[in-house]
Amino acid sequence: MTRKIVHDTCSALPGAEWSDPWGGGHDCWKVGGKIFAVTGSVNAAVAVKTEGIDQAEMLIAAGPARRASYFHRSWVELPLDTPADELQHRIRASYGLIRATLPKKVQAALDPV
């Protein structure tokens, strides 16, 4: 898995916007101004939101994920060599969780998934 595949997965989601808010080569993906995925500049991993702390801890215990530094405990970091289908699923799930928290008016302005 490469940063390009993460980029392609994120950019295909309705209303997804890329930025590098901290400089230094971070890929920060947002929908409605809220982050749903971040690829760091140093380590080869992507941070995504999970449904909650319990799910994050389960993913960490099961092995495909690790604690995402600087994020709430409901976020995990997945190495870029995670199987493509799992990584894409987690990115889309994170996007869906964040999109669902947006105001109804903002959600309505986005294309359907």
PDB file of N, CA and C in Angstrom:
ATOM      1  N   MET A   1       0.860  -1.172   0.000  1.00  0.00           N
ATOM      2  CA  MET A   1       0.000   0.000   0.000  1.00  0.00           C
ATOM      3  C   MET A   1       0.901   1.228   0.000  1.00  0.00           C
ATOM      4  N   THR A   2       0.529   2.195  -0.778  1.00  0.00           N
ATOM      5  CA  THR A   2       1.318   3.414  -0.859  1.00  0.00           C
ATOM      6  C   THR A   2       0.462   4.618  -0.513  1.00  0.00           C
ATOM      7  N   ARG A   3       1.127   5.727  -0.309  1.00  0.00           N
ATOM      8  CA  ARG A   3       0.393   6.972  -0.052  1.00  0.00           C
ATOM      9  C   ARG A   3      -0.527   7.303  -1.222  1.00  0.00           C
ATOM     10  N   LYS A   4      -0.145   6.912  -2.427  1.00  0.00           N
ATOM     11  CA  LYS A   4      -0.970   7.192  -3.596  1.00  0.00           C
ATOM     12  C   LYS A   4      -2.318   6.480  -3.495  1.00  0.00           C
ATOM     13  N   ILE A   5      -2.312   5.243  -3.019  1.00  0.00           N
ATOM     14  CA  ILE A   5      -3.570   4.515  -2.879  1.00  0.00           C
ATOM     15  C   ILE A   5      -4.436   5.162  -1.805  1.00  0.00           C
ATOM     16  N   VAL A   6      -3.833   5.615  -0.711  1.00  0.00           N
ATOM     17  CA  VAL A   6      -4.588   6.348   0.309  1.00  0.00           C
ATOM     18  C   VAL A   6      -5.157   7.614  -0.311  1.00  0.00           C
ATOM     19  N   HIS A   7      -4.334   8.318  -1.068  1.00  0.00           N
ATOM     20  CA  HIS A   7      -4.776   9.548  -1.743  1.00  0.00           C
ATOM     21  C   HIS A   7      -5.943   9.252  -2.681  1.00  0.00           C
ATOM     22  N   ASP A   8      -5.837   8.209  -3.473  1.00  0.00           N
ATOM     23  CA  ASP A   8      -6.896   7.862  -4.421  1.00  0.00           C
ATOM     24  C   ASP A   8      -8.192   7.486  -3.702  1.00  0.00           C
ATOM     25  N   THR A   9      -8.081   6.733  -2.621  1.00  0.00           N
ATOM     26  CA  THR A   9      -9.261   6.331  -1.850  1.00  0.00           C
ATOM     27  C   THR A   9      -9.943   7.547  -1.243  1.00  0.00           C
ATOM     28  N   CYS A  10      -9.162   8.417  -0.608  1.00  0.00           N
ATOM     29  CA  CYS A  10      -9.732   9.605   0.041  1.00  0.00           C
ATOM     30  C   CYS A  10     -10.312  10.581  -0.979  1.00  0.00           C
ATOM     31  N   SER A  11      -9.586  10.823  -2.057  1.00  0.00           N
ATOM     32  CA  SER A  11     -10.035  11.829  -3.028  1.00  0.00           C
ATOM     33  C   SER A  11     -11.301  11.405  -3.765  1.00  0.00           C
ATOM     34  N   ALA A  12     -11.610  10.112  -3.772  1.00  0.00           N
ATOM     35  CA  ALA A  12     -12.822   9.626  -4.430  1.00  0.00           C
ATOM     36  C   ALA A  12     -14.081   9.842  -3.582  1.00  0.00           C
ATOM     37  N   LEU A  13     -13.917  10.200  -2.324  1.00  0.00           N
ATOM     38  CA  LEU A  13     -15.061  10.389  -1.436  1.00  0.00           C
ATOM     39  C   LEU A  13     -15.670  11.777  -1.622  1.00  0.00           C
ATOM     40  N   PRO A  14     -16.999  11.876  -1.676  1.00  0.00           N
ATOM     41  CA  PRO A  14     -17.665  13.161  -1.925  1.00  0.00           C
ATOM     42  C   PRO A  14     -17.302  14.229  -0.887  1.00  0.00           C
ATOM     43  N   GLY A  15     -16.861  15.370  -1.388  1.00  0.00           N
ATOM     44  CA  GLY A  15     -16.542  16.501  -0.519  1.00  0.00           C
ATOM     45  C   GLY A  15     -15.205  16.410   0.182  1.00  0.00           C
ATOM     46  N   ALA A  16     -14.423  15.362  -0.092  1.00  0.00           N
ATOM     47  CA  ALA A  16     -13.115  15.204   0.565  1.00  0.00           C
ATOM     48  C   ALA A  16     -12.155  16.269   0.056  1.00  0.00           C
ATOM     49  N   GLU A  17     -11.428  16.865   0.993  1.00  0.00           N
ATOM     50  CA  GLU A  17     -10.452  17.907   0.660  1.00  0.00           C
ATOM     51  C   GLU A  17      -9.117  17.557   1.301  1.00  0.00           C
ATOM     52  N   TRP A  18      -8.040  17.787   0.554  1.00  0.00           N
ATOM     53  CA  TRP A  18      -6.690  17.529   1.031  1.00  0.00           C
ATOM     54  C   TRP A  18      -6.048  18.831   1.503  1.00  0.00           C
ATOM     55  N   SER A  19      -5.222  18.721   2.537  1.00  0.00           N
ATOM     56  CA  SER A  19      -4.404  19.855   2.970  1.00  0.00           C
ATOM     57  C   SER A  19      -3.176  19.325   3.691  1.00  0.00           C
ATOM     58  N   ASP A  20      -2.235  20.220   3.948  1.00  0.00           N
ATOM     59  CA  ASP A  20      -1.035  19.919   4.738  1.00  0.00           C
ATOM     60  C   ASP A  20      -0.952  21.004   5.809  1.00  0.00           C
ATOM     61  N   PRO A  21      -1.861  20.956   6.803  1.00  0.00           N
ATOM     62  CA  PRO A  21      -1.982  22.052   7.762  1.00  0.00           C
ATOM     63  C   PRO A  21      -0.782  22.269   8.669  1.00  0.00           C
ATOM     64  N   TRP A  22       0.014  21.235   8.881  1.00  0.00           N
ATOM     65  CA  TRP A  22       1.151  21.354   9.786  1.00  0.00           C
ATOM     66  C   TRP A  22       2.465  21.509   9.034  1.00  0.00           C
ATOM     67  N   GLY A  23       2.406  21.446   7.719  1.00  0.00           N
ATOM     68  CA  GLY A  23       3.623  21.512   6.910  1.00  0.00           C
ATOM     69  C   GLY A  23       4.415  20.227   7.025  1.00  0.00           C
ATOM     70  N   GLY A  24       5.437  20.129   6.241  1.00  0.00           N
ATOM     71  CA  GLY A  24       6.331  18.984   6.351  1.00  0.00           C
ATOM     72  C   GLY A  24       5.880  17.716   5.664  1.00  0.00           C
ATOM     73  N   GLY A  25       4.834  17.759   4.854  1.00  0.00           N
ATOM     74  CA  GLY A  25       4.444  16.588   4.080  1.00  0.00           C
ATOM     75  C   GLY A  25       3.369  15.708   4.669  1.00  0.00           C
ATOM     76  N   HIS A  26       2.549  16.228   5.547  1.00  0.00           N
ATOM     77  CA  HIS A  26       1.406  15.469   6.045  1.00  0.00           C
ATOM     78  C   HIS A  26       0.292  15.507   4.999  1.00  0.00           C
ATOM     79  N   ASP A  27      -0.407  14.405   4.829  1.00  0.00           N
ATOM     80  CA  ASP A  27      -1.593  14.376   3.990  1.00  0.00           C
ATOM     81  C   ASP A  27      -2.791  14.335   4.923  1.00  0.00           C
ATOM     82  N   CYS A  28      -3.488  15.454   5.030  1.00  0.00           N
ATOM     83  CA  CYS A  28      -4.634  15.565   5.925  1.00  0.00           C
ATOM     84  C   CYS A  28      -5.894  15.637   5.067  1.00  0.00           C
ATOM     85  N   TRP A  29      -6.794  14.692   5.273  1.00  0.00           N
ATOM     86  CA  TRP A  29      -8.040  14.622   4.510  1.00  0.00           C
ATOM     87  C   TRP A  29      -9.203  15.025   5.399  1.00  0.00           C
ATOM     88  N   LYS A  30     -10.037  15.932   4.884  1.00  0.00           N
ATOM     89  CA  LYS A  30     -11.175  16.455   5.636  1.00  0.00           C
ATOM     90  C   LYS A  30     -12.440  16.377   4.797  1.00  0.00           C
ATOM     91  N   VAL A  31     -13.565  16.315   5.493  1.00  0.00           N
ATOM     92  CA  VAL A  31     -14.874  16.491   4.875  1.00  0.00           C
ATOM     93  C   VAL A  31     -15.619  17.484   5.755  1.00  0.00           C
ATOM     94  N   GLY A  32     -16.154  18.508   5.132  1.00  0.00           N
ATOM     95  CA  GLY A  32     -16.851  19.539   5.898  1.00  0.00           C
ATOM     96  C   GLY A  32     -15.967  20.229   6.914  1.00  0.00           C
ATOM     97  N   GLY A  33     -14.664  20.270   6.645  1.00  0.00           N
ATOM     98  CA  GLY A  33     -13.720  20.921   7.545  1.00  0.00           C
ATOM     99  C   GLY A  33     -13.247  20.060   8.699  1.00  0.00           C
ATOM    100  N   LYS A  34     -13.678  18.790   8.757  1.00  0.00           N
ATOM    101  CA  LYS A  34     -13.284  17.888   9.842  1.00  0.00           C
ATOM    102  C   LYS A  34     -12.423  16.746   9.300  1.00  0.00           C
ATOM    103  N   ILE A  35     -11.368  16.433  10.019  1.00  0.00           N
ATOM    104  CA  ILE A  35     -10.407  15.401   9.603  1.00  0.00           C
ATOM    105  C   ILE A  35     -11.033  14.012   9.672  1.00  0.00           C
ATOM    106  N   PHE A  36     -10.790  13.209   8.607  1.00  0.00           N
ATOM    107  CA  PHE A  36     -11.177  11.800   8.648  1.00  0.00           C
ATOM    108  C   PHE A  36      -9.994  10.868   8.386  1.00  0.00           C
ATOM    109  N   ALA A  37      -8.883  11.377   7.857  1.00  0.00           N
ATOM    110  CA  ALA A  37      -7.690  10.545   7.636  1.00  0.00           C
ATOM    111  C   ALA A  37      -6.453  11.435   7.564  1.00  0.00           C
ATOM    112  N   VAL A  38      -5.362  10.940   8.131  1.00  0.00           N
ATOM    113  CA  VAL A  38      -4.086  11.666   8.090  1.00  0.00           C
ATOM    114  C   VAL A  38      -2.960  10.675   7.860  1.00  0.00           C
ATOM    115  N   THR A  39      -2.143  10.977   6.870  1.00  0.00           N
ATOM    116  CA  THR A  39      -0.913  10.224   6.646  1.00  0.00           C
ATOM    117  C   THR A  39       0.226  11.123   7.092  1.00  0.00           C
ATOM    118  N   GLY A  40       1.010  10.639   8.038  1.00  0.00           N
ATOM    119  CA  GLY A  40       2.097  11.427   8.582  1.00  0.00           C
ATOM    120  C   GLY A  40       3.244  11.603   7.601  1.00  0.00           C
ATOM    121  N   SER A  41       4.126  12.499   7.948  1.00  0.00           N
ATOM    122  CA  SER A  41       5.264  12.777   7.072  1.00  0.00           C
ATOM    123  C   SER A  41       6.436  11.841   7.336  1.00  0.00           C
ATOM    124  N   VAL A  42       6.480  11.199   8.492  1.00  0.00           N
ATOM    125  CA  VAL A  42       7.625  10.374   8.861  1.00  0.00           C
ATOM    126  C   VAL A  42       7.314   8.883   8.743  1.00  0.00           C
ATOM    127  N   ASN A  43       6.256   8.424   9.379  1.00  0.00           N
ATOM    128  CA  ASN A  43       5.974   6.994   9.369  1.00  0.00           C
ATOM    129  C   ASN A  43       5.009   6.637   8.237  1.00  0.00           C
ATOM    130  N   ALA A  44       5.116   5.434   7.760  1.00  0.00           N
ATOM    131  CA  ALA A  44       4.302   4.955   6.644  1.00  0.00           C
ATOM    132  C   ALA A  44       2.999   4.373   7.174  1.00  0.00           C
ATOM    133  N   ALA A  45       2.093   5.260   7.604  1.00  0.00           N
ATOM    134  CA  ALA A  45       0.824   4.828   8.171  1.00  0.00           C
ATOM    135  C   ALA A  45      -0.227   5.909   7.963  1.00  0.00           C
ATOM    136  N   VAL A  46      -1.482   5.507   8.100  1.00  0.00           N
ATOM    137  CA  VAL A  46      -2.590   6.446   8.007  1.00  0.00           C
ATOM    138  C   VAL A  46      -3.421   6.335   9.287  1.00  0.00           C
ATOM    139  N   ALA A  47      -3.777   7.477   9.863  1.00  0.00           N
ATOM    140  CA  ALA A  47      -4.619   7.519  11.058  1.00  0.00           C
ATOM    141  C   ALA A  47      -6.065   7.712  10.628  1.00  0.00           C
ATOM    142  N   VAL A  48      -6.955   6.908  11.224  1.00  0.00           N
ATOM    143  CA  VAL A  48      -8.382   6.980  10.922  1.00  0.00           C
ATOM    144  C   VAL A  48      -9.193   6.876  12.205  1.00  0.00           C
ATOM    145  N   LYS A  49     -10.409   7.415  12.163  1.00  0.00           N
ATOM    146  CA  LYS A  49     -11.310   7.349  13.301  1.00  0.00           C
ATOM    147  C   LYS A  49     -12.056   6.022  13.291  1.00  0.00           C
ATOM    148  N   THR A  50     -12.308   5.481  14.483  1.00  0.00           N
ATOM    149  CA  THR A  50     -13.123   4.275  14.624  1.00  0.00           C
ATOM    150  C   THR A  50     -14.421   4.658  15.331  1.00  0.00           C
ATOM    151  N   GLU A  51     -15.307   3.695  15.484  1.00  0.00           N
ATOM    152  CA  GLU A  51     -16.595   3.960  16.128  1.00  0.00           C
ATOM    153  C   GLU A  51     -16.452   4.340  17.596  1.00  0.00           C
ATOM    154  N   GLY A  52     -15.348   4.009  18.201  1.00  0.00           N
ATOM    155  CA  GLY A  52     -15.149   4.346  19.602  1.00  0.00           C
ATOM    156  C   GLY A  52     -13.888   3.714  20.154  1.00  0.00           C
ATOM    157  N   ILE A  53     -13.643   3.978  21.420  1.00  0.00           N
ATOM    158  CA  ILE A  53     -12.439   3.483  22.076  1.00  0.00           C
ATOM    159  C   ILE A  53     -12.402   1.958  22.080  1.00  0.00           C
ATOM    160  N   ASP A  54     -13.548   1.312  22.309  1.00  0.00           N
ATOM    161  CA  ASP A  54     -13.578  -0.155  22.340  1.00  0.00           C
ATOM    162  C   ASP A  54     -13.147  -0.750  21.000  1.00  0.00           C
ATOM    163  N   GLN A  55     -13.654  -0.186  19.900  1.00  0.00           N
ATOM    164  CA  GLN A  55     -13.274  -0.702  18.587  1.00  0.00           C
ATOM    165  C   GLN A  55     -11.786  -0.447  18.314  1.00  0.00           C
ATOM    166  N   ALA A  56     -11.315   0.723  18.689  1.00  0.00           N
ATOM    167  CA  ALA A  56      -9.892   1.040  18.497  1.00  0.00           C
ATOM    168  C   ALA A  56      -9.025   0.048  19.275  1.00  0.00           C
ATOM    169  N   GLU A  57      -9.383  -0.207  20.522  1.00  0.00           N
ATOM    170  CA  GLU A  57      -8.609  -1.145  21.332  1.00  0.00           C
ATOM    171  C   GLU A  57      -8.653  -2.557  20.759  1.00  0.00           C
ATOM    172  N   MET A  58      -9.803  -2.955  20.202  1.00  0.00           N
ATOM    173  CA  MET A  58      -9.921  -4.273  19.580  1.00  0.00           C
ATOM    174  C   MET A  58      -9.005  -4.372  18.362  1.00  0.00           C
ATOM    175  N   LEU A  59      -8.986  -3.326  17.527  1.00  0.00           N
ATOM    176  CA  LEU A  59      -8.116  -3.334  16.347  1.00  0.00           C
ATOM    177  C   LEU A  59      -6.640  -3.362  16.740  1.00  0.00           C
ATOM    178  N   ILE A  60      -6.313  -2.662  17.807  1.00  0.00           N
ATOM    179  CA  ILE A  60      -4.928  -2.657  18.296  1.00  0.00           C
ATOM    180  C   ILE A  60      -4.561  -4.041  18.830  1.00  0.00           C
ATOM    181  N   ALA A  61      -5.451  -4.638  19.627  1.00  0.00           N
ATOM    182  CA  ALA A  61      -5.188  -5.964  20.195  1.00  0.00           C
ATOM    183  C   ALA A  61      -5.109  -7.039  19.108  1.00  0.00           C
ATOM    184  N   ALA A  62      -5.909  -6.899  18.054  1.00  0.00           N
ATOM    185  CA  ALA A  62      -5.929  -7.881  16.967  1.00  0.00           C
ATOM    186  C   ALA A  62      -4.692  -7.772  16.077  1.00  0.00           C
ATOM    187  N   GLY A  63      -4.016  -6.645  16.137  1.00  0.00           N
ATOM    188  CA  GLY A  63      -2.766  -6.523  15.412  1.00  0.00           C
ATOM    189  C   GLY A  63      -2.703  -5.617  14.203  1.00  0.00           C
ATOM    190  N   PRO A  64      -3.807  -5.351  13.493  1.00  0.00           N
ATOM    191  CA  PRO A  64      -3.619  -4.533  12.285  1.00  0.00           C
ATOM    192  C   PRO A  64      -3.392  -3.050  12.575  1.00  0.00           C
ATOM    193  N   ALA A  65      -3.646  -2.625  13.803  1.00  0.00           N
ATOM    194  CA  ALA A  65      -3.569  -1.191  14.106  1.00  0.00           C
ATOM    195  C   ALA A  65      -2.693  -0.937  15.324  1.00  0.00           C
ATOM    196  N   ARG A  66      -2.330   0.317  15.485  1.00  0.00           N
ATOM    197  CA  ARG A  66      -1.619   0.764  16.688  1.00  0.00           C
ATOM    198  C   ARG A  66      -2.215   2.110  17.108  1.00  0.00           C
ATOM    199  N   ARG A  67      -1.913   2.523  18.282  1.00  0.00           N
ATOM    200  CA  ARG A  67      -2.407   3.793  18.820  1.00  0.00           C
ATOM    201  C   ARG A  67      -1.951   4.930  17.925  1.00  0.00           C
ATOM    202  N   ALA A  68      -2.871   5.829  17.567  1.00  0.00           N
ATOM    203  CA  ALA A  68      -2.533   6.981  16.729  1.00  0.00           C
ATOM    204  C   ALA A  68      -2.067   8.126  17.635  1.00  0.00           C
ATOM    205  N   SER A  69      -0.808   8.460  17.538  1.00  0.00           N
ATOM    206  CA  SER A  69      -0.247   9.547  18.341  1.00  0.00           C
ATOM    207  C   SER A  69      -0.968  10.850  18.041  1.00  0.00           C
ATOM    208  N   TYR A  70      -1.156  11.661  19.073  1.00  0.00           N
ATOM    209  CA  TYR A  70      -1.731  13.005  18.969  1.00  0.00           C
ATOM    210  C   TYR A  70      -3.227  13.023  18.680  1.00  0.00           C
ATOM    211  N   PHE A  71      -3.875  11.870  18.608  1.00  0.00           N
ATOM    212  CA  PHE A  71      -5.308  11.801  18.342  1.00  0.00           C
ATOM    213  C   PHE A  71      -6.028  11.213  19.551  1.00  0.00           C
ATOM    214  N   HIS A  72      -7.341  11.405  19.600  1.00  0.00           N
ATOM    215  CA  HIS A  72      -8.189  10.799  20.621  1.00  0.00           C
ATOM    216  C   HIS A  72      -8.026   9.282  20.566  1.00  0.00           C
ATOM    217  N   ARG A  73      -8.328   8.609  21.650  1.00  0.00           N
ATOM    218  CA  ARG A  73      -8.158   7.154  21.725  1.00  0.00           C
ATOM    219  C   ARG A  73      -9.076   6.384  20.790  1.00  0.00           C
ATOM    220  N   SER A  74     -10.058   7.048  20.181  1.00  0.00           N
ATOM    221  CA  SER A  74     -10.931   6.376  19.213  1.00  0.00           C
ATOM    222  C   SER A  74     -10.307   6.340  17.818  1.00  0.00           C
ATOM    223  N   TRP A  75      -9.114   6.905  17.678  1.00  0.00           N
ATOM    224  CA  TRP A  75      -8.385   6.890  16.405  1.00  0.00           C
ATOM    225  C   TRP A  75      -7.297   5.825  16.464  1.00  0.00           C
ATOM    226  N   VAL A  76      -7.041   5.185  15.322  1.00  0.00           N
ATOM    227  CA  VAL A  76      -5.950   4.218  15.213  1.00  0.00           C
ATOM    228  C   VAL A  76      -5.090   4.577  14.010  1.00  0.00           C
ATOM    229  N   GLU A  77      -3.915   4.005  14.001  1.00  0.00           N
ATOM    230  CA  GLU A  77      -2.993   4.195  12.895  1.00  0.00           C
ATOM    231  C   GLU A  77      -2.773   2.828  12.241  1.00  0.00           C
ATOM    232  N   LEU A  78      -2.975   2.779  10.931  1.00  0.00           N
ATOM    233  CA  LEU A  78      -2.785   1.550  10.174  1.00  0.00           C
ATOM    234  C   LEU A  78      -1.561   1.690   9.277  1.00  0.00           C
ATOM    235  N   PRO A  79      -0.639   0.732   9.327  1.00  0.00           N
ATOM    236  CA  PRO A  79       0.521   0.786   8.436  1.00  0.00           C
ATOM    237  C   PRO A  79       0.063   0.748   6.977  1.00  0.00           C
ATOM    238  N   LEU A  80       0.816   1.390   6.112  1.00  0.00           N
ATOM    239  CA  LEU A  80       0.452   1.419   4.698  1.00  0.00           C
ATOM    240  C   LEU A  80       0.574   0.061   4.030  1.00  0.00           C
ATOM    241  N   ASP A  81       1.228  -0.916   4.696  1.00  0.00           N
ATOM    242  CA  ASP A  81       1.279  -2.256   4.129  1.00  0.00           C
ATOM    243  C   ASP A  81       0.123  -3.144   4.597  1.00  0.00           C
ATOM    244  N   THR A  82      -0.863  -2.541   5.267  1.00  0.00           N
ATOM    245  CA  THR A  82      -2.098  -3.238   5.611  1.00  0.00           C
ATOM    246  C   THR A  82      -2.766  -3.661   4.305  1.00  0.00           C
ATOM    247  N   PRO A  83      -3.404  -4.829   4.259  1.00  0.00           N
ATOM    248  CA  PRO A  83      -4.079  -5.217   3.019  1.00  0.00           C
ATOM    249  C   PRO A  83      -4.992  -4.094   2.503  1.00  0.00           C
ATOM    250  N   ALA A  84      -4.961  -3.895   1.199  1.00  0.00           N
ATOM    251  CA  ALA A  84      -5.662  -2.771   0.573  1.00  0.00           C
ATOM    252  C   ALA A  84      -7.139  -2.723   0.926  1.00  0.00           C
ATOM    253  N   ASP A  85      -7.826  -3.866   0.913  1.00  0.00           N
ATOM    254  CA  ASP A  85      -9.258  -3.851   1.193  1.00  0.00           C
ATOM    255  C   ASP A  85      -9.552  -3.413   2.627  1.00  0.00           C
ATOM    256  N   GLU A  86      -8.730  -3.841   3.572  1.00  0.00           N
ATOM    257  CA  GLU A  86      -8.910  -3.439   4.973  1.00  0.00           C
ATOM    258  C   GLU A  86      -8.647  -1.940   5.146  1.00  0.00           C
ATOM    259  N   LEU A  87      -7.572  -1.466   4.553  1.00  0.00           N
ATOM    260  CA  LEU A  87      -7.226  -0.053   4.665  1.00  0.00           C
ATOM    261  C   LEU A  87      -8.303   0.827   4.034  1.00  0.00           C
ATOM    262  N   GLN A  88      -8.759   0.458   2.857  1.00  0.00           N
ATOM    263  CA  GLN A  88      -9.812   1.238   2.194  1.00  0.00           C
ATOM    264  C   GLN A  88     -11.105   1.205   3.004  1.00  0.00           C
ATOM    265  N   HIS A  89     -11.433   0.052   3.578  1.00  0.00           N
ATOM    266  CA  HIS A  89     -12.625  -0.056   4.425  1.00  0.00           C
ATOM    267  C   HIS A  89     -12.528   0.891   5.620  1.00  0.00           C
ATOM    268  N   ARG A  90     -11.385   0.911   6.277  1.00  0.00           N
ATOM    269  CA  ARG A  90     -11.209   1.762   7.459  1.00  0.00           C
ATOM    270  C   ARG A  90     -11.246   3.249   7.088  1.00  0.00           C
ATOM    271  N   ILE A  91     -10.690   3.622   5.944  1.00  0.00           N
ATOM    272  CA  ILE A  91     -10.748   5.020   5.501  1.00  0.00           C
ATOM    273  C   ILE A  91     -12.195   5.417   5.229  1.00  0.00           C
ATOM    274  N   ARG A  92     -12.927   4.568   4.522  1.00  0.00           N
ATOM    275  CA  ARG A  92     -14.336   4.871   4.209  1.00  0.00           C
ATOM    276  C   ARG A  92     -15.195   4.914   5.473  1.00  0.00           C
ATOM    277  N   ALA A  93     -14.917   4.018   6.415  1.00  0.00           N
ATOM    278  CA  ALA A  93     -15.663   4.017   7.680  1.00  0.00           C
ATOM    279  C   ALA A  93     -15.395   5.301   8.456  1.00  0.00           C
ATOM    280  N   SER A  94     -14.146   5.724   8.496  1.00  0.00           N
ATOM    281  CA  SER A  94     -13.775   6.963   9.179  1.00  0.00           C
ATOM    282  C   SER A  94     -14.493   8.150   8.529  1.00  0.00           C
ATOM    283  N   TYR A  95     -14.471   8.186   7.210  1.00  0.00           N
ATOM    284  CA  TYR A  95     -15.160   9.241   6.467  1.00  0.00           C
ATOM    285  C   TYR A  95     -16.648   9.259   6.839  1.00  0.00           C
ATOM    286  N   GLY A  96     -17.273   8.084   6.850  1.00  0.00           N
ATOM    287  CA  GLY A  96     -18.695   8.000   7.180  1.00  0.00           C
ATOM    288  C   GLY A  96     -19.006   8.488   8.585  1.00  0.00           C
ATOM    289  N   LEU A  97     -18.148   8.140   9.542  1.00  0.00           N
ATOM    290  CA  LEU A  97     -18.340   8.589  10.922  1.00  0.00           C
ATOM    291  C   LEU A  97     -18.251  10.115  11.028  1.00  0.00           C
ATOM    292  N   ILE A  98     -17.255  10.678  10.374  1.00  0.00           N
ATOM    293  CA  ILE A  98     -17.071  12.129  10.428  1.00  0.00           C
ATOM    294  C   ILE A  98     -18.186  12.834   9.670  1.00  0.00           C
ATOM    295  N   ARG A  99     -18.522  12.325   8.499  1.00  0.00           N
ATOM    296  CA  ARG A  99     -19.592  12.934   7.695  1.00  0.00           C
ATOM    297  C   ARG A  99     -20.910  12.957   8.476  1.00  0.00           C
ATOM    298  N   ALA A 100     -21.185  11.912   9.226  1.00  0.00           N
ATOM    299  CA  ALA A 100     -22.428  11.827   9.996  1.00  0.00           C
ATOM    300  C   ALA A 100     -22.509  12.868  11.110  1.00  0.00           C
ATOM    301  N   THR A 101     -21.361  13.414  11.523  1.00  0.00           N
ATOM    302  CA  THR A 101     -21.370  14.420  12.594  1.00  0.00           C
ATOM    303  C   THR A 101     -21.537  15.838  12.057  1.00  0.00           C
ATOM    304  N   LEU A 102     -21.478  15.995  10.745  1.00  0.00           N
ATOM    305  CA  LEU A 102     -21.603  17.327  10.151  1.00  0.00           C
ATOM    306  C   LEU A 102     -23.038  17.829  10.264  1.00  0.00           C
ATOM    307  N   PRO A 103     -23.224  19.135  10.288  1.00  0.00           N
ATOM    308  CA  PRO A 103     -24.585  19.664  10.302  1.00  0.00           C
ATOM    309  C   PRO A 103     -25.378  19.137   9.102  1.00  0.00           C
ATOM    310  N   LYS A 104     -26.678  18.937   9.297  1.00  0.00           N
ATOM    311  CA  LYS A 104     -27.528  18.365   8.246  1.00  0.00           C
ATOM    312  C   LYS A 104     -27.443  19.161   6.946  1.00  0.00           C
ATOM    313  N   LYS A 105     -27.337  20.456   7.041  1.00  0.00           N
ATOM    314  CA  LYS A 105     -27.258  21.305   5.853  1.00  0.00           C
ATOM    315  C   LYS A 105     -25.970  21.009   5.069  1.00  0.00           C
ATOM    316  N   VAL A 106     -24.865  20.810   5.781  1.00  0.00           N
ATOM    317  CA  VAL A 106     -23.586  20.506   5.131  1.00  0.00           C
ATOM    318  C   VAL A 106     -23.659  19.105   4.506  1.00  0.00           C
ATOM    319  N   GLN A 107     -24.232  18.152   5.240  1.00  0.00           N
ATOM    320  CA  GLN A 107     -24.381  16.806   4.710  1.00  0.00           C
ATOM    321  C   GLN A 107     -25.216  16.800   3.431  1.00  0.00           C
ATOM    322  N   ALA A 108     -26.307  17.566   3.434  1.00  0.00           N
ATOM    323  CA  ALA A 108     -27.206  17.613   2.283  1.00  0.00           C
ATOM    324  C   ALA A 108     -26.514  18.183   1.039  1.00  0.00           C
ATOM    325  N   ALA A 109     -25.525  19.044   1.243  1.00  0.00           N
ATOM    326  CA  ALA A 109     -24.820  19.664   0.115  1.00  0.00           C
ATOM    327  C   ALA A 109     -23.795  18.717  -0.514  1.00  0.00           C
ATOM    328  N   LEU A 110     -23.474  17.634   0.164  1.00  0.00           N
ATOM    329  CA  LEU A 110     -22.499  16.671  -0.361  1.00  0.00           C
ATOM    330  C   LEU A 110     -23.185  15.655  -1.268  1.00  0.00           C
ATOM    331  N   ASP A 111     -22.465  15.203  -2.282  1.00  0.00           N
ATOM    332  CA  ASP A 111     -22.974  14.139  -3.132  1.00  0.00           C
ATOM    333  C   ASP A 111     -23.119  12.874  -2.307  1.00  0.00           C
ATOM    334  N   PRO A 112     -24.021  11.972  -2.702  1.00  0.00           N
ATOM    335  CA  PRO A 112     -24.154  10.686  -1.977  1.00  0.00           C
ATOM    336  C   PRO A 112     -22.880   9.864  -2.116  1.00  0.00           C
ATOM    337  N   VAL A 113     -22.666   9.000  -1.164  1.00  0.00           N
ATOM    338  CA  VAL A 113     -21.477   8.135  -1.183  1.00  0.00           C
ATOM    339  C   VAL A 113     -21.701   7.015  -2.173  1.00  0.00           C
TER     340      VAL A 113
END
